[in-house]
């Protein structure tokens, strides 16, 4: 198999072994978490020169950002599941409904 054929190989989630498919999707996700953690550590290192109050502010804001990241990730995963199911069922008209609902929920979120 040539290199270009290996890159274009489709992942068959139904017939392929689950461990290989799981690794294929988990590695980029784990890498993104490591990058986020390293960014946070470097941020704390430089902010630590400003004093204790600055470190406390960074610690608090990191928790808020992580909560929002988790919330948005949950919506994205849920939307992906619904879209994938509708695509698998052949309901191409229904593919647009979940993204519109997500956008509507985001736009209706109260702002100050």
PDB file of N, CA and C in Angstrom:
ATOM      1  N   UNK A   1       0.852  -1.171   0.000  1.00  0.00           N
ATOM      2  CA  UNK A   1       0.000   0.000   0.000  1.00  0.00           C
ATOM      3  C   UNK A   1       0.897   1.233   0.000  1.00  0.00           C
ATOM      4  N   UNK A   2       0.616   2.168  -0.892  1.00  0.00           N
ATOM      5  CA  UNK A   2       1.429   3.379  -0.960  1.00  0.00           C
ATOM      6  C   UNK A   2       1.066   4.312   0.189  1.00  0.00           C
ATOM      7  N   UNK A   3       1.911   5.320   0.371  1.00  0.00           N
ATOM      8  CA  UNK A   3       1.682   6.259   1.477  1.00  0.00           C
ATOM      9  C   UNK A   3       0.392   7.037   1.279  1.00  0.00           C
ATOM     10  N   UNK A   4       0.105   7.436   0.031  1.00  0.00           N
ATOM     11  CA  UNK A   4      -1.121   8.202  -0.205  1.00  0.00           C
ATOM     12  C   UNK A   4      -2.359   7.337  -0.004  1.00  0.00           C
ATOM     13  N   UNK A   5      -2.263   6.046  -0.320  1.00  0.00           N
ATOM     14  CA  UNK A   5      -3.402   5.150  -0.095  1.00  0.00           C
ATOM     15  C   UNK A   5      -3.631   4.939   1.399  1.00  0.00           C
ATOM     16  N   UNK A   6      -2.551   4.902   2.166  1.00  0.00           N
ATOM     17  CA  UNK A   6      -2.695   4.735   3.614  1.00  0.00           C
ATOM     18  C   UNK A   6      -3.342   5.954   4.243  1.00  0.00           C
ATOM     19  N   UNK A   7      -3.033   7.127   3.725  1.00  0.00           N
ATOM     20  CA  UNK A   7      -3.628   8.352   4.258  1.00  0.00           C
ATOM     21  C   UNK A   7      -5.107   8.408   3.929  1.00  0.00           C
ATOM     22  N   UNK A   8      -5.481   7.945   2.739  1.00  0.00           N
ATOM     23  CA  UNK A   8      -6.871   8.016   2.308  1.00  0.00           C
ATOM     24  C   UNK A   8      -7.719   6.860   2.814  1.00  0.00           C
ATOM     25  N   UNK A   9      -7.133   5.917   3.511  1.00  0.00           N
ATOM     26  CA  UNK A   9      -7.882   4.758   4.004  1.00  0.00           C
ATOM     27  C   UNK A   9      -8.994   5.223   4.938  1.00  0.00           C
ATOM     28  N   UNK A  10     -10.162   4.720   4.696  1.00  0.00           N
ATOM     29  CA  UNK A  10     -11.291   5.080   5.540  1.00  0.00           C
ATOM     30  C   UNK A  10     -11.312   4.216   6.787  1.00  0.00           C
ATOM     31  N   UNK A  11     -11.791   4.790   7.842  1.00  0.00           N
ATOM     32  CA  UNK A  11     -11.940   4.049   9.089  1.00  0.00           C
ATOM     33  C   UNK A  11     -13.328   3.426   9.081  1.00  0.00           C
ATOM     34  N   UNK A  12     -13.381   2.116   9.184  1.00  0.00           N
ATOM     35  CA  UNK A  12     -14.649   1.399   9.224  1.00  0.00           C
ATOM     36  C   UNK A  12     -14.971   1.101  10.685  1.00  0.00           C
ATOM     37  N   UNK A  13     -15.821   1.916  11.273  1.00  0.00           N
ATOM     38  CA  UNK A  13     -16.122   1.790  12.698  1.00  0.00           C
ATOM     39  C   UNK A  13     -16.966   0.561  13.023  1.00  0.00           C
ATOM     40  N   UNK A  14     -17.571  -0.038  12.008  1.00  0.00           N
ATOM     41  CA  UNK A  14     -18.419  -1.199  12.257  1.00  0.00           C
ATOM     42  C   UNK A  14     -17.622  -2.497  12.184  1.00  0.00           C
ATOM     43  N   UNK A  15     -16.746  -2.618  11.186  1.00  0.00           N
ATOM     44  CA  UNK A  15     -16.053  -3.887  10.972  1.00  0.00           C
ATOM     45  C   UNK A  15     -14.624  -3.918  11.492  1.00  0.00           C
ATOM     46  N   UNK A  16     -13.972  -2.787  11.628  1.00  0.00           N
ATOM     47  CA  UNK A  16     -12.598  -2.761  12.127  1.00  0.00           C
ATOM     48  C   UNK A  16     -12.578  -3.038  13.627  1.00  0.00           C
ATOM     49  N   UNK A  17     -11.451  -3.541  14.149  1.00  0.00           N
ATOM     50  CA  UNK A  17     -11.343  -3.708  15.607  1.00  0.00           C
ATOM     51  C   UNK A  17     -11.461  -2.351  16.312  1.00  0.00           C
ATOM     52  N   UNK A  18     -12.163  -2.336  17.413  1.00  0.00           N
ATOM     53  CA  UNK A  18     -12.457  -1.077  18.101  1.00  0.00           C
ATOM     54  C   UNK A  18     -11.211  -0.441  18.697  1.00  0.00           C
ATOM     55  N   UNK A  19     -10.228  -1.228  19.122  1.00  0.00           N
ATOM     56  CA  UNK A  19      -9.060  -0.636  19.769  1.00  0.00           C
ATOM     57  C   UNK A  19      -8.249   0.222  18.805  1.00  0.00           C
ATOM     58  N   UNK A  20      -8.112  -0.187  17.565  1.00  0.00           N
ATOM     59  CA  UNK A  20      -7.379   0.625  16.595  1.00  0.00           C
ATOM     60  C   UNK A  20      -8.104   1.920  16.276  1.00  0.00           C
ATOM     61  N   UNK A  21      -9.422   1.826  16.098  1.00  0.00           N
ATOM     62  CA  UNK A  21     -10.215   3.025  15.812  1.00  0.00           C
ATOM     63  C   UNK A  21     -10.210   3.973  17.001  1.00  0.00           C
ATOM     64  N   UNK A  22     -10.288   3.405  18.197  1.00  0.00           N
ATOM     65  CA  UNK A  22     -10.287   4.231  19.404  1.00  0.00           C
ATOM     66  C   UNK A  22      -8.969   4.975  19.557  1.00  0.00           C
ATOM     67  N   UNK A  23      -7.865   4.285  19.303  1.00  0.00           N
ATOM     68  CA  UNK A  23      -6.556   4.947  19.370  1.00  0.00           C
ATOM     69  C   UNK A  23      -6.446   6.053  18.327  1.00  0.00           C
ATOM     70  N   UNK A  24      -6.976   5.784  17.140  1.00  0.00           N
ATOM     71  CA  UNK A  24      -6.906   6.767  16.065  1.00  0.00           C
ATOM     72  C   UNK A  24      -7.584   8.076  16.463  1.00  0.00           C
ATOM     73  N   UNK A  25      -8.684   7.990  17.184  1.00  0.00           N
ATOM     74  CA  UNK A  25      -9.399   9.191  17.604  1.00  0.00           C
ATOM     75  C   UNK A  25      -8.890   9.744  18.930  1.00  0.00           C
ATOM     76  N   UNK A  26      -8.355   8.897  19.795  1.00  0.00           N
ATOM     77  CA  UNK A  26      -7.944   9.332  21.132  1.00  0.00           C
ATOM     78  C   UNK A  26      -6.605  10.054  21.140  1.00  0.00           C
ATOM     79  N   UNK A  27      -5.712   9.711  20.236  1.00  0.00           N
ATOM     80  CA  UNK A  27      -4.375  10.319  20.243  1.00  0.00           C
ATOM     81  C   UNK A  27      -4.436  11.831  20.018  1.00  0.00           C
ATOM     82  N   UNK A  28      -5.146  12.334  19.005  1.00  0.00           N
ATOM     83  CA  UNK A  28      -5.216  13.801  18.865  1.00  0.00           C
ATOM     84  C   UNK A  28      -5.895  14.481  20.047  1.00  0.00           C
ATOM     85  N   UNK A  29      -6.897  13.836  20.620  1.00  0.00           N
ATOM     86  CA  UNK A  29      -7.582  14.408  21.778  1.00  0.00           C
ATOM     87  C   UNK A  29      -6.643  14.501  22.969  1.00  0.00           C
ATOM     88  N   UNK A  30      -5.898  13.440  23.229  1.00  0.00           N
ATOM     89  CA  UNK A  30      -4.941  13.455  24.334  1.00  0.00           C
ATOM     90  C   UNK A  30      -3.858  14.498  24.097  1.00  0.00           C
ATOM     91  N   UNK A  31      -3.408  14.627  22.864  1.00  0.00           N
ATOM     92  CA  UNK A  31      -2.393  15.629  22.535  1.00  0.00           C
ATOM     93  C   UNK A  31      -2.911  17.035  22.808  1.00  0.00           C
ATOM     94  N   UNK A  32      -4.166  17.300  22.479  1.00  0.00           N
ATOM     95  CA  UNK A  32      -4.718  18.637  22.726  1.00  0.00           C
ATOM     96  C   UNK A  32      -4.792  18.934  24.222  1.00  0.00           C
ATOM     97  N   UNK A  33      -5.094  17.932  25.045  1.00  0.00           N
ATOM     98  CA  UNK A  33      -5.118  18.142  26.492  1.00  0.00           C
ATOM     99  C   UNK A  33      -3.716  18.413  27.039  1.00  0.00           C
ATOM    100  N   UNK A  34      -2.719  17.723  26.497  1.00  0.00           N
ATOM    101  CA  UNK A  34      -1.336  17.952  26.932  1.00  0.00           C
ATOM    102  C   UNK A  34      -0.901  19.364  26.562  1.00  0.00           C
ATOM    103  N   UNK A  35      -1.233  19.812  25.352  1.00  0.00           N
ATOM    104  CA  UNK A  35      -0.884  21.172  24.933  1.00  0.00           C
ATOM    105  C   UNK A  35      -1.561  22.189  25.843  1.00  0.00           C
ATOM    106  N   UNK A  36      -2.821  21.956  26.189  1.00  0.00           N
ATOM    107  CA  UNK A  36      -3.545  22.861  27.080  1.00  0.00           C
ATOM    108  C   UNK A  36      -2.894  22.907  28.456  1.00  0.00           C
ATOM    109  N   UNK A  37      -2.459  21.762  28.968  1.00  0.00           N
ATOM    110  CA  UNK A  37      -1.818  21.707  30.277  1.00  0.00           C
ATOM    111  C   UNK A  37      -0.472  22.439  30.261  1.00  0.00           C
ATOM    112  N   UNK A  38       0.320  22.236  29.210  1.00  0.00           N
ATOM    113  CA  UNK A  38       1.619  22.909  29.105  1.00  0.00           C
ATOM    114  C   UNK A  38       1.416  24.419  29.006  1.00  0.00           C
ATOM    115  N   UNK A  39       0.420  24.843  28.234  1.00  0.00           N
ATOM    116  CA  UNK A  39       0.114  26.270  28.122  1.00  0.00           C
ATOM    117  C   UNK A  39      -0.229  26.853  29.495  1.00  0.00           C
ATOM    118  N   UNK A  40      -1.032  26.128  30.263  1.00  0.00           N
ATOM    119  CA  UNK A  40      -1.422  26.598  31.589  1.00  0.00           C
ATOM    120  C   UNK A  40      -0.217  26.700  32.519  1.00  0.00           C
ATOM    121  N   UNK A  41       0.673  25.720  32.467  1.00  0.00           N
ATOM    122  CA  UNK A  41       1.869  25.760  33.318  1.00  0.00           C
ATOM    123  C   UNK A  41       2.788  26.923  32.953  1.00  0.00           C
ATOM    124  N   UNK A  42       2.982  27.151  31.667  1.00  0.00           N
ATOM    125  CA  UNK A  42       3.827  28.270  31.232  1.00  0.00           C
ATOM    126  C   UNK A  42       3.185  29.590  31.625  1.00  0.00           C
ATOM    127  N   UNK A  43       1.873  29.674  31.492  1.00  0.00           N
ATOM    128  CA  UNK A  43       1.149  30.879  31.884  1.00  0.00           C
ATOM    129  C   UNK A  43       1.335  31.155  33.374  1.00  0.00           C
ATOM    130  N   UNK A  44       1.216  30.137  34.195  1.00  0.00           N
ATOM    131  CA  UNK A  44       1.393  30.312  35.644  1.00  0.00           C
ATOM    132  C   UNK A  44       2.821  30.710  35.999  1.00  0.00           C
ATOM    133  N   UNK A  45       3.776  30.188  35.273  1.00  0.00           N
ATOM    134  CA  UNK A  45       5.172  30.533  35.539  1.00  0.00           C
ATOM    135  C   UNK A  45       5.396  32.037  35.358  1.00  0.00           C
ATOM    136  N   UNK A  46       4.920  32.580  34.245  1.00  0.00           N
ATOM    137  CA  UNK A  46       5.142  34.005  33.996  1.00  0.00           C
ATOM    138  C   UNK A  46       4.280  34.887  34.898  1.00  0.00           C
ATOM    139  N   UNK A  47       3.067  34.455  35.191  1.00  0.00           N
ATOM    140  CA  UNK A  47       2.190  35.246  36.055  1.00  0.00           C
ATOM    141  C   UNK A  47       2.675  35.202  37.503  1.00  0.00           C
ATOM    142  N   UNK A  48       3.390  34.143  37.888  1.00  0.00           N
ATOM    143  CA  UNK A  48       3.868  34.037  39.271  1.00  0.00           C
ATOM    144  C   UNK A  48       4.814  35.175  39.636  1.00  0.00           C
ATOM    145  N   UNK A  49       5.395  35.796  38.667  1.00  0.00           N
ATOM    146  CA  UNK A  49       6.286  36.935  38.927  1.00  0.00           C
ATOM    147  C   UNK A  49       5.513  38.186  39.341  1.00  0.00           C
ATOM    148  N   UNK A  50       4.197  38.171  39.135  1.00  0.00           N
ATOM    149  CA  UNK A  50       3.378  39.333  39.469  1.00  0.00           C
ATOM    150  C   UNK A  50       2.824  39.289  40.889  1.00  0.00           C
ATOM    151  N   UNK A  51       2.870  38.122  41.534  1.00  0.00           N
ATOM    152  CA  UNK A  51       2.412  38.037  42.919  1.00  0.00           C
ATOM    153  C   UNK A  51       1.341  36.987  43.131  1.00  0.00           C
ATOM    154  N   UNK A  52       0.965  36.854  44.410  1.00  0.00           N
ATOM    155  CA  UNK A  52       0.001  35.820  44.796  1.00  0.00           C
ATOM    156  C   UNK A  52      -1.398  36.073  44.245  1.00  0.00           C
ATOM    157  N   UNK A  53      -1.816  37.322  44.227  1.00  0.00           N
ATOM    158  CA  UNK A  53      -3.160  37.635  43.727  1.00  0.00           C
ATOM    159  C   UNK A  53      -3.284  37.285  42.246  1.00  0.00           C
ATOM    160  N   UNK A  54      -2.229  37.505  41.496  1.00  0.00           N
ATOM    161  CA  UNK A  54      -2.253  37.177  40.069  1.00  0.00           C
ATOM    162  C   UNK A  54      -2.347  35.670  39.855  1.00  0.00           C
ATOM    163  N   UNK A  55      -1.631  34.907  40.670  1.00  0.00           N
ATOM    164  CA  UNK A  55      -1.697  33.446  40.555  1.00  0.00           C
ATOM    165  C   UNK A  55      -3.099  32.954  40.918  1.00  0.00           C
ATOM    166  N   UNK A  56      -3.687  33.545  41.945  1.00  0.00           N
ATOM    167  CA  UNK A  56      -5.047  33.163  42.335  1.00  0.00           C
ATOM    168  C   UNK A  56      -6.037  33.478  41.218  1.00  0.00           C
ATOM    169  N   UNK A  57      -5.861  34.612  40.566  1.00  0.00           N
ATOM    170  CA  UNK A  57      -6.749  34.978  39.458  1.00  0.00           C
ATOM    171  C   UNK A  57      -6.613  33.999  38.301  1.00  0.00           C
ATOM    172  N   UNK A  58      -5.386  33.606  37.997  1.00  0.00           N
ATOM    173  CA  UNK A  58      -5.166  32.642  36.919  1.00  0.00           C
ATOM    174  C   UNK A  58      -5.778  31.291  37.283  1.00  0.00           C
ATOM    175  N   UNK A  59      -5.616  30.865  38.531  1.00  0.00           N
ATOM    176  CA  UNK A  59      -6.196  29.594  38.965  1.00  0.00           C
ATOM    177  C   UNK A  59      -7.707  29.585  38.850  1.00  0.00           C
ATOM    178  N   UNK A  60      -8.334  30.680  39.248  1.00  0.00           N
ATOM    179  CA  UNK A  60      -9.788  30.783  39.152  1.00  0.00           C
ATOM    180  C   UNK A  60     -10.243  30.831  37.706  1.00  0.00           C
ATOM    181  N   UNK A  61      -9.574  31.636  36.900  1.00  0.00           N
ATOM    182  CA  UNK A  61      -9.987  31.755  35.499  1.00  0.00           C
ATOM    183  C   UNK A  61      -9.750  30.455  34.741  1.00  0.00           C
ATOM    184  N   UNK A  62      -8.719  29.698  35.095  1.00  0.00           N
ATOM    185  CA  UNK A  62      -8.497  28.397  34.456  1.00  0.00           C
ATOM    186  C   UNK A  62      -9.676  27.459  34.704  1.00  0.00           C
ATOM    187  N   UNK A  63     -10.229  27.501  35.918  1.00  0.00           N
ATOM    188  CA  UNK A  63     -11.375  26.646  36.228  1.00  0.00           C
ATOM    189  C   UNK A  63     -12.601  27.052  35.418  1.00  0.00           C
ATOM    190  N   UNK A  64     -12.814  28.351  35.263  1.00  0.00           N
ATOM    191  CA  UNK A  64     -13.948  28.835  34.477  1.00  0.00           C
ATOM    192  C   UNK A  64     -13.779  28.447  33.014  1.00  0.00           C
ATOM    193  N   UNK A  65     -12.584  28.631  32.483  1.00  0.00           N
ATOM    194  CA  UNK A  65     -12.319  28.276  31.086  1.00  0.00           C
ATOM    195  C   UNK A  65     -12.496  26.774  30.883  1.00  0.00           C
ATOM    196  N   UNK A  66     -12.016  25.964  31.819  1.00  0.00           N
ATOM    197  CA  UNK A  66     -12.177  24.517  31.702  1.00  0.00           C
ATOM    198  C   UNK A  66     -13.650  24.123  31.726  1.00  0.00           C
ATOM    199  N   UNK A  67     -14.441  24.767  32.591  1.00  0.00           N
ATOM    200  CA  UNK A  67     -15.877  24.489  32.643  1.00  0.00           C
ATOM    201  C   UNK A  67     -16.540  24.827  31.315  1.00  0.00           C
ATOM    202  N   UNK A  68     -16.226  25.997  30.768  1.00  0.00           N
ATOM    203  CA  UNK A  68     -16.818  26.388  29.488  1.00  0.00           C
ATOM    204  C   UNK A  68     -16.370  25.463  28.360  1.00  0.00           C
ATOM    205  N   UNK A  69     -15.095  25.074  28.380  1.00  0.00           N
ATOM    206  CA  UNK A  69     -14.579  24.142  27.378  1.00  0.00           C
ATOM    207  C   UNK A  69     -15.317  22.810  27.452  1.00  0.00           C
ATOM    208  N   UNK A  70     -15.561  22.324  28.664  1.00  0.00           N
ATOM    209  CA  UNK A  70     -16.277  21.066  28.844  1.00  0.00           C
ATOM    210  C   UNK A  70     -17.716  21.189  28.366  1.00  0.00           C
ATOM    211  N   UNK A  71     -18.358  22.293  28.663  1.00  0.00           N
ATOM    212  CA  UNK A  71     -19.731  22.517  28.240  1.00  0.00           C
ATOM    213  C   UNK A  71     -19.842  22.549  26.720  1.00  0.00           C
ATOM    214  N   UNK A  72     -18.975  23.308  26.076  1.00  0.00           N
ATOM    215  CA  UNK A  72     -19.000  23.405  24.615  1.00  0.00           C
ATOM    216  C   UNK A  72     -18.645  22.063  23.982  1.00  0.00           C
ATOM    217  N   UNK A  73     -17.698  21.350  24.570  1.00  0.00           N
ATOM    218  CA  UNK A  73     -17.336  20.027  24.048  1.00  0.00           C
ATOM    219  C   UNK A  73     -18.516  19.069  24.139  1.00  0.00           C
ATOM    220  N   UNK A  74     -19.260  19.143  25.220  1.00  0.00           N
ATOM    221  CA  UNK A  74     -20.443  18.297  25.363  1.00  0.00           C
ATOM    222  C   UNK A  74     -21.480  18.586  24.297  1.00  0.00           C
ATOM    223  N   UNK A  75     -21.720  19.870  24.029  1.00  0.00           N
ATOM    224  CA  UNK A  75     -22.645  20.229  22.955  1.00  0.00           C
ATOM    225  C   UNK A  75     -22.138  19.744  21.605  1.00  0.00           C
ATOM    226  N   UNK A  76     -20.840  19.879  21.371  1.00  0.00           N
ATOM    227  CA  UNK A  76     -20.266  19.456  20.090  1.00  0.00           C
ATOM    228  C   UNK A  76     -20.377  17.947  19.907  1.00  0.00           C
ATOM    229  N   UNK A  77     -20.096  17.193  20.951  1.00  0.00           N
ATOM    230  CA  UNK A  77     -20.195  15.734  20.857  1.00  0.00           C
ATOM    231  C   UNK A  77     -21.648  15.320  20.647  1.00  0.00           C
ATOM    232  N   UNK A  78     -22.554  15.926  21.393  1.00  0.00           N
ATOM    233  CA  UNK A  78     -23.973  15.610  21.228  1.00  0.00           C
ATOM    234  C   UNK A  78     -24.476  15.929  19.835  1.00  0.00           C
ATOM    235  N   UNK A  79     -24.080  17.074  19.308  1.00  0.00           N
ATOM    236  CA  UNK A  79     -24.470  17.442  17.952  1.00  0.00           C
ATOM    237  C   UNK A  79     -23.870  16.476  16.942  1.00  0.00           C
ATOM    238  N   UNK A  80     -22.617  16.096  17.149  1.00  0.00           N
ATOM    239  CA  UNK A  80     -21.975  15.140  16.244  1.00  0.00           C
ATOM    240  C   UNK A  80     -22.679  13.795  16.232  1.00  0.00           C
ATOM    241  N   UNK A  81     -23.139  13.354  17.391  1.00  0.00           N
ATOM    242  CA  UNK A  81     -23.855  12.079  17.473  1.00  0.00           C
ATOM    243  C   UNK A  81     -25.161  12.152  16.700  1.00  0.00           C
ATOM    244  N   UNK A  82     -25.900  13.233  16.882  1.00  0.00           N
ATOM    245  CA  UNK A  82     -27.184  13.373  16.192  1.00  0.00           C
ATOM    246  C   UNK A  82     -26.971  13.481  14.687  1.00  0.00           C
ATOM    247  N   UNK A  83     -25.990  14.271  14.268  1.00  0.00           N
ATOM    248  CA  UNK A  83     -25.714  14.427  12.837  1.00  0.00           C
ATOM    249  C   UNK A  83     -25.270  13.095  12.236  1.00  0.00           C
ATOM    250  N   UNK A  84     -24.411  12.363  12.932  1.00  0.00           N
ATOM    251  CA  UNK A  84     -23.942  11.068  12.428  1.00  0.00           C
ATOM    252  C   UNK A  84     -25.091  10.081  12.287  1.00  0.00           C
ATOM    253  N   UNK A  85     -25.964  10.079  13.260  1.00  0.00           N
ATOM    254  CA  UNK A  85     -27.107   9.164  13.188  1.00  0.00           C
ATOM    255  C   UNK A  85     -28.003   9.506  12.009  1.00  0.00           C
ATOM    256  N   UNK A  86     -28.281  10.779  11.834  1.00  0.00           N
ATOM    257  CA  UNK A  86     -29.140  11.180  10.713  1.00  0.00           C
ATOM    258  C   UNK A  86     -28.466  10.901   9.372  1.00  0.00           C
ATOM    259  N   UNK A  87     -27.167  11.090   9.296  1.00  0.00           N
ATOM    260  CA  UNK A  87     -26.441  10.782   8.064  1.00  0.00           C
ATOM    261  C   UNK A  87     -26.499   9.286   7.782  1.00  0.00           C
ATOM    262  N   UNK A  88     -26.329   8.476   8.816  1.00  0.00           N
ATOM    263  CA  UNK A  88     -26.404   7.024   8.653  1.00  0.00           C
ATOM    264  C   UNK A  88     -27.786   6.549   8.246  1.00  0.00           C
ATOM    265  N   UNK A  89     -28.813   7.239   8.715  1.00  0.00           N
ATOM    266  CA  UNK A  89     -30.183   6.894   8.339  1.00  0.00           C
ATOM    267  C   UNK A  89     -30.532   7.387   6.949  1.00  0.00           C
ATOM    268  N   UNK A  90     -29.696   8.234   6.374  1.00  0.00           N
ATOM    269  CA  UNK A  90     -29.977   8.797   5.053  1.00  0.00           C
ATOM    270  C   UNK A  90     -30.887  10.013   5.110  1.00  0.00           C
ATOM    271  N   UNK A  91     -31.104  10.567   6.285  1.00  0.00           N
ATOM    272  CA  UNK A  91     -31.965  11.741   6.460  1.00  0.00           C
ATOM    273  C   UNK A  91     -31.132  13.002   6.247  1.00  0.00           C
ATOM    274  N   UNK A  92     -30.860  13.309   4.985  1.00  0.00           N
ATOM    275  CA  UNK A  92     -29.988  14.443   4.679  1.00  0.00           C
ATOM    276  C   UNK A  92     -30.661  15.787   4.964  1.00  0.00           C
ATOM    277  N   UNK A  93     -31.984  15.830   4.926  1.00  0.00           N
ATOM    278  CA  UNK A  93     -32.685  17.062   5.289  1.00  0.00           C
ATOM    279  C   UNK A  93     -32.548  17.352   6.785  1.00  0.00           C
ATOM    280  N   UNK A  94     -32.591  16.298   7.581  1.00  0.00           N
ATOM    281  CA  UNK A  94     -32.501  16.446   9.026  1.00  0.00           C
ATOM    282  C   UNK A  94     -31.101  16.748   9.526  1.00  0.00           C
ATOM    283  N   UNK A  95     -30.100  16.709   8.633  1.00  0.00           N
ATOM    284  CA  UNK A  95     -28.728  17.004   9.049  1.00  0.00           C
ATOM    285  C   UNK A  95     -28.560  18.442   9.517  1.00  0.00           C
ATOM    286  N   UNK A  96     -29.368  19.349   9.006  1.00  0.00           N
ATOM    287  CA  UNK A  96     -29.213  20.764   9.343  1.00  0.00           C
ATOM    288  C   UNK A  96     -29.896  21.149  10.645  1.00  0.00           C
ATOM    289  N   UNK A  97     -30.754  20.290  11.169  1.00  0.00           N
ATOM    290  CA  UNK A  97     -31.513  20.641  12.373  1.00  0.00           C
ATOM    291  C   UNK A  97     -30.620  20.768  13.607  1.00  0.00           C
ATOM    292  N   UNK A  98     -29.755  19.799  13.947  1.00  0.00           N
ATOM    293  CA  UNK A  98     -28.944  19.945  15.174  1.00  0.00           C
ATOM    294  C   UNK A  98     -28.022  21.161  15.175  1.00  0.00           C
ATOM    295  N   UNK A  99     -27.303  21.475  14.085  1.00  0.00           N
ATOM    296  CA  UNK A  99     -26.478  22.690  14.140  1.00  0.00           C
ATOM    297  C   UNK A  99     -27.303  23.959  14.337  1.00  0.00           C
ATOM    298  N   UNK A 100     -28.507  23.998  13.757  1.00  0.00           N
ATOM    299  CA  UNK A 100     -29.355  25.175  13.959  1.00  0.00           C
ATOM    300  C   UNK A 100     -29.811  25.282  15.405  1.00  0.00           C
ATOM    301  N   UNK A 101     -30.108  24.146  16.023  1.00  0.00           N
ATOM    302  CA  UNK A 101     -30.506  24.171  17.439  1.00  0.00           C
ATOM    303  C   UNK A 101     -29.351  24.634  18.317  1.00  0.00           C
ATOM    304  N   UNK A 102     -28.163  24.156  18.018  1.00  0.00           N
ATOM    305  CA  UNK A 102     -26.990  24.565  18.794  1.00  0.00           C
ATOM    306  C   UNK A 102     -26.742  26.062  18.631  1.00  0.00           C
ATOM    307  N   UNK A 103     -26.841  26.560  17.413  1.00  0.00           N
ATOM    308  CA  UNK A 103     -26.651  27.989  17.168  1.00  0.00           C
ATOM    309  C   UNK A 103     -27.735  28.806  17.864  1.00  0.00           C
ATOM    310  N   UNK A 104     -28.971  28.326  17.838  1.00  0.00           N
ATOM    311  CA  UNK A 104     -30.062  29.032  18.525  1.00  0.00           C
ATOM    312  C   UNK A 104     -29.832  29.082  20.031  1.00  0.00           C
ATOM    313  N   UNK A 105     -29.377  27.972  20.596  1.00  0.00           N
ATOM    314  CA  UNK A 105     -29.096  27.947  22.034  1.00  0.00           C
ATOM    315  C   UNK A 105     -27.977  28.913  22.380  1.00  0.00           C
ATOM    316  N   UNK A 106     -26.960  28.968  21.548  1.00  0.00           N
ATOM    317  CA  UNK A 106     -25.833  29.874  21.803  1.00  0.00           C
ATOM    318  C   UNK A 106     -26.270  31.331  21.694  1.00  0.00           C
ATOM    319  N   UNK A 107     -27.068  31.656  20.683  1.00  0.00           N
ATOM    320  CA  UNK A 107     -27.504  33.042  20.501  1.00  0.00           C
ATOM    321  C   UNK A 107     -28.490  33.488  21.574  1.00  0.00           C
ATOM    322  N   UNK A 108     -29.229  32.539  22.155  1.00  0.00           N
ATOM    323  CA  UNK A 108     -30.204  32.919  23.181  1.00  0.00           C
ATOM    324  C   UNK A 108     -29.590  32.983  24.577  1.00  0.00           C
ATOM    325  N   UNK A 109     -28.317  32.631  24.714  1.00  0.00           N
ATOM    326  CA  UNK A 109     -27.644  32.681  26.016  1.00  0.00           C
ATOM    327  C   UNK A 109     -27.587  34.130  26.485  1.00  0.00           C
ATOM    328  N   UNK A 110     -27.990  34.425  27.724  1.00  0.00           N
ATOM    329  CA  UNK A 110     -28.002  35.824  28.182  1.00  0.00           C
ATOM    330  C   UNK A 110     -26.592  36.412  28.261  1.00  0.00           C
ATOM    331  N   UNK A 111     -26.494  37.645  27.827  1.00  0.00           N
ATOM    332  CA  UNK A 111     -25.221  38.376  27.877  1.00  0.00           C
ATOM    333  C   UNK A 111     -25.422  39.644  28.691  1.00  0.00           C
ATOM    334  N   UNK A 112     -24.330  40.155  29.224  1.00  0.00           N
ATOM    335  CA  UNK A 112     -24.412  41.403  29.999  1.00  0.00           C
ATOM    336  C   UNK A 112     -24.241  42.576  29.092  1.00  0.00           C
TER     337      UNK A 112
END
